[in-house]
PDB file of N, CA and C in Angstrom:
ATOM      1  N   MET A   1     -16.031   3.618   2.042  1.00  0.00           N
ATOM      2  CA  MET A   1     -14.611   3.858   2.196  1.00  0.00           C
ATOM      3  C   MET A   1     -14.421   5.268   2.747  1.00  0.00           C
ATOM      4  N   GLY A   2     -13.322   5.491   3.446  1.00  0.00           N
ATOM      5  CA  GLY A   2     -13.058   6.776   4.069  1.00  0.00           C
ATOM      6  C   GLY A   2     -12.863   7.897   3.067  1.00  0.00           C
ATOM      7  N   GLU A   3     -13.175   9.090   3.486  1.00  0.00           N
ATOM      8  CA  GLU A   3     -13.030  10.253   2.617  1.00  0.00           C
ATOM      9  C   GLU A   3     -11.554  10.561   2.369  1.00  0.00           C
ATOM     10  N   GLY A   4     -11.229  10.921   1.138  1.00  0.00           N
ATOM     11  CA  GLY A   4      -9.888  11.332   0.794  1.00  0.00           C
ATOM     12  C   GLY A   4      -8.889  10.203   0.601  1.00  0.00           C
ATOM     13  N   LEU A   5      -9.338   8.960   0.666  1.00  0.00           N
ATOM     14  CA  LEU A   5      -8.423   7.843   0.452  1.00  0.00           C
ATOM     15  C   LEU A   5      -8.163   7.674  -1.035  1.00  0.00           C
ATOM     16  N   LEU A   6      -6.923   7.435  -1.362  1.00  0.00           N
ATOM     17  CA  LEU A   6      -6.543   7.196  -2.748  1.00  0.00           C
ATOM     18  C   LEU A   6      -6.931   5.784  -3.144  1.00  0.00           C
ATOM     19  N   VAL A   7      -7.642   5.641  -4.248  1.00  0.00           N
ATOM     20  CA  VAL A   7      -8.060   4.336  -4.737  1.00  0.00           C
ATOM     21  C   VAL A   7      -7.179   3.972  -5.924  1.00  0.00           C
ATOM     22  N   ILE A   8      -6.451   2.866  -5.802  1.00  0.00           N
ATOM     23  CA  ILE A   8      -5.568   2.392  -6.867  1.00  0.00           C
ATOM     24  C   ILE A   8      -6.321   1.344  -7.668  1.00  0.00           C
ATOM     25  N   ARG A   9      -6.452   1.576  -8.968  1.00  0.00           N
ATOM     26  CA  ARG A   9      -7.203   0.649  -9.806  1.00  0.00           C
ATOM     27  C   ARG A   9      -6.322  -0.115 -10.793  1.00  0.00           C
ATOM     28  N   GLN A  10      -5.105   0.383 -11.043  1.00  0.00           N
ATOM     29  CA  GLN A  10      -4.214  -0.267 -11.996  1.00  0.00           C
ATOM     30  C   GLN A  10      -2.795  -0.272 -11.447  1.00  0.00           C
ATOM     31  N   LEU A  11      -2.030  -1.304 -11.849  1.00  0.00           N
ATOM     32  CA  LEU A  11      -0.660  -1.452 -11.372  1.00  0.00           C
ATOM     33  C   LEU A  11       0.212  -0.257 -11.735  1.00  0.00           C
ATOM     34  N   ASP A  12       0.036   0.319 -12.927  1.00  0.00           N
ATOM     35  CA  ASP A  12       0.878   1.459 -13.306  1.00  0.00           C
ATOM     36  C   ASP A  12       0.638   2.668 -12.399  1.00  0.00           C
ATOM     37  N   GLN A  13      -0.552   2.787 -11.825  1.00  0.00           N
ATOM     38  CA  GLN A  13      -0.802   3.849 -10.853  1.00  0.00           C
ATOM     39  C   GLN A  13       0.068   3.640  -9.618  1.00  0.00           C
ATOM     40  N   LEU A  14       0.130   2.409  -9.170  1.00  0.00           N
ATOM     41  CA  LEU A  14       0.910   2.079  -7.987  1.00  0.00           C
ATOM     42  C   LEU A  14       2.394   2.326  -8.225  1.00  0.00           C
ATOM     43  N   VAL A  15       2.887   1.968  -9.408  1.00  0.00           N
ATOM     44  CA  VAL A  15       4.289   2.198  -9.759  1.00  0.00           C
ATOM     45  C   VAL A  15       4.577   3.695  -9.727  1.00  0.00           C
ATOM     46  N   GLY A  16       3.693   4.494 -10.289  1.00  0.00           N
ATOM     47  CA  GLY A  16       3.885   5.940 -10.300  1.00  0.00           C
ATOM     48  C   GLY A  16       3.877   6.548  -8.912  1.00  0.00           C
ATOM     49  N   ILE A  17       3.012   6.056  -8.057  1.00  0.00           N
ATOM     50  CA  ILE A  17       2.917   6.585  -6.702  1.00  0.00           C
ATOM     51  C   ILE A  17       4.143   6.199  -5.881  1.00  0.00           C
ATOM     52  N   ALA A  18       4.570   4.967  -6.012  1.00  0.00           N
ATOM     53  CA  ALA A  18       5.723   4.499  -5.252  1.00  0.00           C
ATOM     54  C   ALA A  18       6.966   5.291  -5.631  1.00  0.00           C
ATOM     55  N   GLY A  19       7.196   5.470  -6.922  1.00  0.00           N
ATOM     56  CA  GLY A  19       8.272   6.306  -7.430  1.00  0.00           C
ATOM     57  C   GLY A  19       9.615   6.174  -6.738  1.00  0.00           C
ATOM     58  N   GLY A  20       9.923   5.018  -6.165  1.00  0.00           N
ATOM     59  CA  GLY A  20      11.221   4.835  -5.531  1.00  0.00           C
ATOM     60  C   GLY A  20      11.309   5.367  -4.116  1.00  0.00           C
ATOM     61  N   ASP A  21      10.237   5.927  -3.584  1.00  0.00           N
ATOM     62  CA  ASP A  21      10.253   6.435  -2.210  1.00  0.00           C
ATOM     63  C   ASP A  21      10.316   5.252  -1.250  1.00  0.00           C
ATOM     64  N   ARG A  22      11.350   5.161  -0.471  1.00  0.00           N
ATOM     65  CA  ARG A  22      11.552   4.004   0.409  1.00  0.00           C
ATOM     66  C   ARG A  22      10.600   4.014   1.603  1.00  0.00           C
ATOM     67  N   ASP A  23       9.830   5.079   1.775  1.00  0.00           N
ATOM     68  CA  ASP A  23       8.910   5.153   2.910  1.00  0.00           C
ATOM     69  C   ASP A  23       7.453   5.003   2.482  1.00  0.00           C
ATOM     70  N   THR A  24       7.207   4.390   1.323  1.00  0.00           N
ATOM     71  CA  THR A  24       5.842   4.199   0.847  1.00  0.00           C
ATOM     72  C   THR A  24       5.390   2.778   1.150  1.00  0.00           C
ATOM     73  N   TYR A  25       4.214   2.667   1.749  1.00  0.00           N
ATOM     74  CA  TYR A  25       3.674   1.371   2.142  1.00  0.00           C
ATOM     75  C   TYR A  25       2.260   1.219   1.602  1.00  0.00           C
ATOM     76  N   LEU A  26       1.855  -0.019   1.404  1.00  0.00           N
ATOM     77  CA  LEU A  26       0.531  -0.331   0.898  1.00  0.00           C
ATOM     78  C   LEU A  26      -0.232  -1.113   1.954  1.00  0.00           C
ATOM     79  N   ARG A  27      -1.489  -0.751   2.151  1.00  0.00           N
ATOM     80  CA  ARG A  27      -2.350  -1.490   3.075  1.00  0.00           C
ATOM     81  C   ARG A  27      -3.540  -2.016   2.287  1.00  0.00           C
ATOM     82  N   TYR A  28      -3.724  -3.319   2.309  1.00  0.00           N
ATOM     83  CA  TYR A  28      -4.910  -3.939   1.716  1.00  0.00           C
ATOM     84  C   TYR A  28      -6.001  -3.842   2.769  1.00  0.00           C
ATOM     85  N   SER A  29      -7.098  -3.163   2.450  1.00  0.00           N
ATOM     86  CA  SER A  29      -8.093  -2.904   3.477  1.00  0.00           C
ATOM     87  C   SER A  29      -9.432  -2.568   2.856  1.00  0.00           C
ATOM     88  N   LEU A  30     -10.480  -2.783   3.612  1.00  0.00           N
ATOM     89  CA  LEU A  30     -11.816  -2.342   3.198  1.00  0.00           C
ATOM     90  C   LEU A  30     -12.079  -0.914   3.645  1.00  0.00           C
ATOM     91  N   GLY A  31     -11.094  -0.292   4.294  1.00  0.00           N
ATOM     92  CA  GLY A  31     -11.220   1.101   4.715  1.00  0.00           C
ATOM     93  C   GLY A  31     -11.084   1.270   6.210  1.00  0.00           C
ATOM     94  N   PRO A  32     -10.995   2.526   6.654  1.00  0.00           N
ATOM     95  CA  PRO A  32     -10.784   2.817   8.075  1.00  0.00           C
ATOM     96  C   PRO A  32     -11.870   2.254   8.990  1.00  0.00           C
ATOM     97  N   GLU A  33     -13.108   2.258   8.524  1.00  0.00           N
ATOM     98  CA  GLU A  33     -14.185   1.743   9.365  1.00  0.00           C
ATOM     99  C   GLU A  33     -13.984   0.247   9.631  1.00  0.00           C
ATOM    100  N   ALA A  34     -13.656  -0.506   8.598  1.00  0.00           N
ATOM    101  CA  ALA A  34     -13.406  -1.944   8.760  1.00  0.00           C
ATOM    102  C   ALA A  34     -12.167  -2.178   9.620  1.00  0.00           C
ATOM    103  N   ASP A  35     -11.134  -1.357   9.435  1.00  0.00           N
ATOM    104  CA  ASP A  35      -9.907  -1.499  10.235  1.00  0.00           C
ATOM    105  C   ASP A  35     -10.179  -1.286  11.717  1.00  0.00           C
ATOM    106  N   ALA A  36     -11.081  -0.370  12.031  1.00  0.00           N
ATOM    107  CA  ALA A  36     -11.376  -0.055  13.430  1.00  0.00           C
ATOM    108  C   ALA A  36     -12.138  -1.191  14.122  1.00  0.00           C
ATOM    109  N   ARG A  37     -12.799  -2.040  13.359  1.00  0.00           N
ATOM    110  CA  ARG A  37     -13.608  -3.129  13.939  1.00  0.00           C
ATOM    111  C   ARG A  37     -12.792  -4.355  14.342  1.00  0.00           C
ATOM    112  N   GLN A  38     -11.586  -4.496  13.796  1.00  0.00           N
ATOM    113  CA  GLN A  38     -10.797  -5.692  14.115  1.00  0.00           C
ATOM    114  C   GLN A  38      -9.307  -5.380  14.105  1.00  0.00           C
ATOM    115  N   ALA A  39      -8.549  -6.209  14.799  1.00  0.00           N
ATOM    116  CA  ALA A  39      -7.095  -6.035  14.876  1.00  0.00           C
ATOM    117  C   ALA A  39      -6.437  -6.552  13.600  1.00  0.00           C
ATOM    118  N   SER A  40      -5.269  -6.021  13.290  1.00  0.00           N
ATOM    119  CA  SER A  40      -4.477  -6.542  12.174  1.00  0.00           C
ATOM    120  C   SER A  40      -3.756  -7.804  12.619  1.00  0.00           C
ATOM    121  N   ARG A  41      -3.572  -8.729  11.683  1.00  0.00           N
ATOM    122  CA  ARG A  41      -2.858  -9.970  11.973  1.00  0.00           C
ATOM    123  C   ARG A  41      -1.748 -10.163  10.955  1.00  0.00           C
ATOM    124  N   ASP A  42      -0.632 -10.700  11.425  1.00  0.00           N
ATOM    125  CA  ASP A  42       0.471 -11.063  10.548  1.00  0.00           C
ATOM    126  C   ASP A  42       0.033 -12.247   9.699  1.00  0.00           C
ATOM    127  N   TYR A  43       0.244 -12.152   8.391  1.00  0.00           N
ATOM    128  CA  TYR A  43      -0.205 -13.209   7.478  1.00  0.00           C
ATOM    129  C   TYR A  43       0.503 -14.540   7.725  1.00  0.00           C
ATOM    130  N   GLU A  44       1.771 -14.508   8.045  1.00  0.00           N
ATOM    131  CA  GLU A  44       2.545 -15.738   8.227  1.00  0.00           C
ATOM    132  C   GLU A  44       2.280 -16.418   9.566  1.00  0.00           C
ATOM    133  N   SER A  45       2.343 -15.641  10.653  1.00  0.00           N
ATOM    134  CA  SER A  45       2.249 -16.237  11.986  1.00  0.00           C
ATOM    135  C   SER A  45       0.835 -16.256  12.553  1.00  0.00           C
ATOM    136  N   GLY A  46      -0.015 -15.363  12.049  1.00  0.00           N
ATOM    137  CA  GLY A  46      -1.356 -15.251  12.605  1.00  0.00           C
ATOM    138  C   GLY A  46      -1.404 -14.427  13.882  1.00  0.00           C
ATOM    139  N   LEU A  47      -0.254 -13.881  14.299  1.00  0.00           N
ATOM    140  CA  LEU A  47      -0.205 -13.088  15.529  1.00  0.00           C
ATOM    141  C   LEU A  47      -0.872 -11.736  15.336  1.00  0.00           C
ATOM    142  N   GLU A  48      -1.528 -11.254  16.390  1.00  0.00           N
ATOM    143  CA  GLU A  48      -2.135  -9.929  16.362  1.00  0.00           C
ATOM    144  C   GLU A  48      -1.030  -8.876  16.399  1.00  0.00           C
ATOM    145  N   LEU A  49      -1.161  -7.863  15.554  1.00  0.00           N
ATOM    146  CA  LEU A  49      -0.159  -6.797  15.469  1.00  0.00           C
ATOM    147  C   LEU A  49      -0.582  -5.596  16.310  1.00  0.00           C
ATOM    148  N   PRO A  50       0.379  -4.820  16.811  1.00  0.00           N
ATOM    149  CA  PRO A  50       0.048  -3.648  17.622  1.00  0.00           C
ATOM    150  C   PRO A  50      -0.479  -2.473  16.792  1.00  0.00           C
ATOM    151  N   GLY A  51      -0.365  -2.541  15.487  1.00  0.00           N
ATOM    152  CA  GLY A  51      -0.847  -1.473  14.611  1.00  0.00           C
ATOM    153  C   GLY A  51      -1.477  -2.087  13.383  1.00  0.00           C
ATOM    154  N   LEU A  52      -1.450  -1.371  12.280  1.00  0.00           N
ATOM    155  CA  LEU A  52      -2.016  -1.870  11.033  1.00  0.00           C
ATOM    156  C   LEU A  52      -0.934  -2.543  10.197  1.00  0.00           C
ATOM    157  N   SER A  53      -1.270  -3.679   9.602  1.00  0.00           N
ATOM    158  CA  SER A  53      -0.291  -4.366   8.762  1.00  0.00           C
ATOM    159  C   SER A  53      -0.188  -3.662   7.413  1.00  0.00           C
ATOM    160  N   VAL A  54       1.032  -3.530   6.920  1.00  0.00           N
ATOM    161  CA  VAL A  54       1.299  -2.874   5.641  1.00  0.00           C
ATOM    162  C   VAL A  54       2.378  -3.648   4.896  1.00  0.00           C
ATOM    163  N   VAL A  55       2.499  -3.357   3.613  1.00  0.00           N
ATOM    164  CA  VAL A  55       3.514  -3.971   2.770  1.00  0.00           C
ATOM    165  C   VAL A  55       4.387  -2.850   2.206  1.00  0.00           C
ATOM    166  N   PRO A  56       5.708  -2.902   2.395  1.00  0.00           N
ATOM    167  CA  PRO A  56       6.568  -1.864   1.807  1.00  0.00           C
ATOM    168  C   PRO A  56       6.572  -2.004   0.280  1.00  0.00           C
ATOM    169  N   LEU A  57       6.531  -0.872  -0.423  1.00  0.00           N
ATOM    170  CA  LEU A  57       6.528  -0.917  -1.886  1.00  0.00           C
ATOM    171  C   LEU A  57       7.923  -0.954  -2.480  1.00  0.00           C
ATOM    172  N   ALA A  58       8.894  -0.450  -1.761  1.00  0.00           N
ATOM    173  CA  ALA A  58      10.274  -0.471  -2.259  1.00  0.00           C
ATOM    174  C   ALA A  58      10.911  -1.813  -1.911  1.00  0.00           C
ATOM    175  N   PRO A  59      11.712  -2.350  -2.809  1.00  0.00           N
ATOM    176  CA  PRO A  59      12.386  -3.613  -2.494  1.00  0.00           C
ATOM    177  C   PRO A  59      13.433  -3.402  -1.397  1.00  0.00           C
ATOM    178  N   PRO A  60      13.776  -4.463  -0.663  1.00  0.00           N
ATOM    179  CA  PRO A  60      14.799  -4.333   0.379  1.00  0.00           C
ATOM    180  C   PRO A  60      16.165  -4.027  -0.226  1.00  0.00           C
ATOM    181  N   GLY A  61      17.069  -3.523   0.601  1.00  0.00           N
ATOM    182  CA  GLY A  61      18.393  -3.123   0.136  1.00  0.00           C
ATOM    183  C   GLY A  61      19.194  -4.231  -0.534  1.00  0.00           C
ATOM    184  N   TRP A  62      18.935  -5.482  -0.173  1.00  0.00           N
ATOM    185  CA  TRP A  62      19.680  -6.602  -0.747  1.00  0.00           C
ATOM    186  C   TRP A  62      19.152  -7.011  -2.121  1.00  0.00           C
ATOM    187  N   TRP A  63      18.026  -6.460  -2.569  1.00  0.00           N
ATOM    188  CA  TRP A  63      17.408  -6.822  -3.848  1.00  0.00           C
ATOM    189  C   TRP A  63      18.292  -6.393  -5.010  1.00  0.00           C
ATOM    190  N   ARG A  64      18.630  -7.302  -5.905  1.00  0.00           N
ATOM    191  CA  ARG A  64      19.531  -7.004  -7.024  1.00  0.00           C
ATOM    192  C   ARG A  64      18.874  -7.115  -8.400  1.00  0.00           C
ATOM    193  N   ARG A  65      17.636  -7.558  -8.454  1.00  0.00           N
ATOM    194  CA  ARG A  65      16.936  -7.679  -9.733  1.00  0.00           C
ATOM    195  C   ARG A  65      16.428  -6.305 -10.170  1.00  0.00           C
ATOM    196  N   PRO A  66      16.119  -6.129 -11.460  1.00  0.00           N
ATOM    197  CA  PRO A  66      15.590  -4.834 -11.917  1.00  0.00           C
ATOM    198  C   PRO A  66      14.293  -4.469 -11.195  1.00  0.00           C
ATOM    199  N   VAL A  67      14.102  -3.191 -11.009  1.00  0.00           N
ATOM    200  CA  VAL A  67      12.908  -2.677 -10.353  1.00  0.00           C
ATOM    201  C   VAL A  67      12.192  -1.763 -11.339  1.00  0.00           C
ATOM    202  N   ALA A  68      10.895  -1.965 -11.508  1.00  0.00           N
ATOM    203  CA  ALA A  68      10.113  -1.117 -12.411  1.00  0.00           C
ATOM    204  C   ALA A  68      10.013   0.285 -11.839  1.00  0.00           C
ATOM    205  N   THR A  69      10.178   1.260 -12.684  1.00  0.00           N
ATOM    206  CA  THR A  69       9.961   2.651 -12.293  1.00  0.00           C
ATOM    207  C   THR A  69       9.031   3.255 -13.308  1.00  0.00           C
ATOM    208  N   GLY A  70       8.313   4.259 -12.924  1.00  0.00           N
ATOM    209  CA  GLY A  70       7.357   4.859 -13.845  1.00  0.00           C
ATOM    210  C   GLY A  70       7.181   6.327 -13.568  1.00  0.00           C
ATOM    211  N   SER A  71       6.447   6.959 -14.440  1.00  0.00           N
ATOM    212  CA  SER A  71       6.134   8.368 -14.260  1.00  0.00           C
ATOM    213  C   SER A  71       5.013   8.481 -13.232  1.00  0.00           C
ATOM    214  N   PRO A  72       4.808   9.658 -12.676  1.00  0.00           N
ATOM    215  CA  PRO A  72       3.744   9.816 -11.689  1.00  0.00           C
ATOM    216  C   PRO A  72       2.403   9.359 -12.249  1.00  0.00           C
ATOM    217  N   ALA A  73       1.593   8.781 -11.382  1.00  0.00           N
ATOM    218  CA  ALA A  73       0.293   8.264 -11.808  1.00  0.00           C
ATOM    219  C   ALA A  73      -0.584   9.400 -12.310  1.00  0.00           C
ATOM    220  N   LYS A  74      -1.222   9.188 -13.440  1.00  0.00           N
ATOM    221  CA  LYS A  74      -2.069  10.214 -14.025  1.00  0.00           C
ATOM    222  C   LYS A  74      -3.523   9.975 -13.732  1.00  0.00           C
ATOM    223  N   SER A  75      -3.905   8.714 -13.469  1.00  0.00           N
ATOM    224  CA  SER A  75      -5.330   8.427 -13.342  1.00  0.00           C
ATOM    225  C   SER A  75      -5.743   7.973 -11.948  1.00  0.00           C
ATOM    226  N   ALA A  76      -4.906   8.214 -10.944  1.00  0.00           N
ATOM    227  CA  ALA A  76      -5.303   7.862  -9.584  1.00  0.00           C
ATOM    228  C   ALA A  76      -6.498   8.722  -9.200  1.00  0.00           C
ATOM    229  N   SER A  77      -7.427   8.129  -8.501  1.00  0.00           N
ATOM    230  CA  SER A  77      -8.636   8.887  -8.147  1.00  0.00           C
ATOM    231  C   SER A  77      -8.937   8.724  -6.683  1.00  0.00           C
ATOM    232  N   THR A  78      -9.656   9.692  -6.144  1.00  0.00           N
ATOM    233  CA  THR A  78     -10.138   9.591  -4.788  1.00  0.00           C
ATOM    234  C   THR A  78     -11.652   9.478  -4.846  1.00  0.00           C
ATOM    235  N   PRO A  79     -12.238   8.764  -3.893  1.00  0.00           N
ATOM    236  CA  PRO A  79     -13.694   8.623  -3.906  1.00  0.00           C
ATOM    237  C   PRO A  79     -14.375   9.964  -3.726  1.00  0.00           C
ATOM    238  N   SER A  80     -15.530  10.133  -4.342  1.00  0.00           N
ATOM    239  CA  SER A  80     -16.261  11.397  -4.212  1.00  0.00           C
ATOM    240  C   SER A  80     -17.117  11.401  -2.976  1.00  0.00           C
TER     241      SER A  80
END
């Protein structure tokens, strides 16, 4: 895995990192090296994307159900 990448091991870490920031996105990946070997594809259509596929962590503006919030992640780690 790439140097300096944050490794999320528990859901509460992710909640703490997201912290309501509407510009936070999550990428499921084996790391930058794997990303460089192949193009990203849209999960629904199968179309090749011009960049890397990501998932927004904040719910869309129309979302009316409760949203979990948490304190900043205490146990997030980066690879050595």
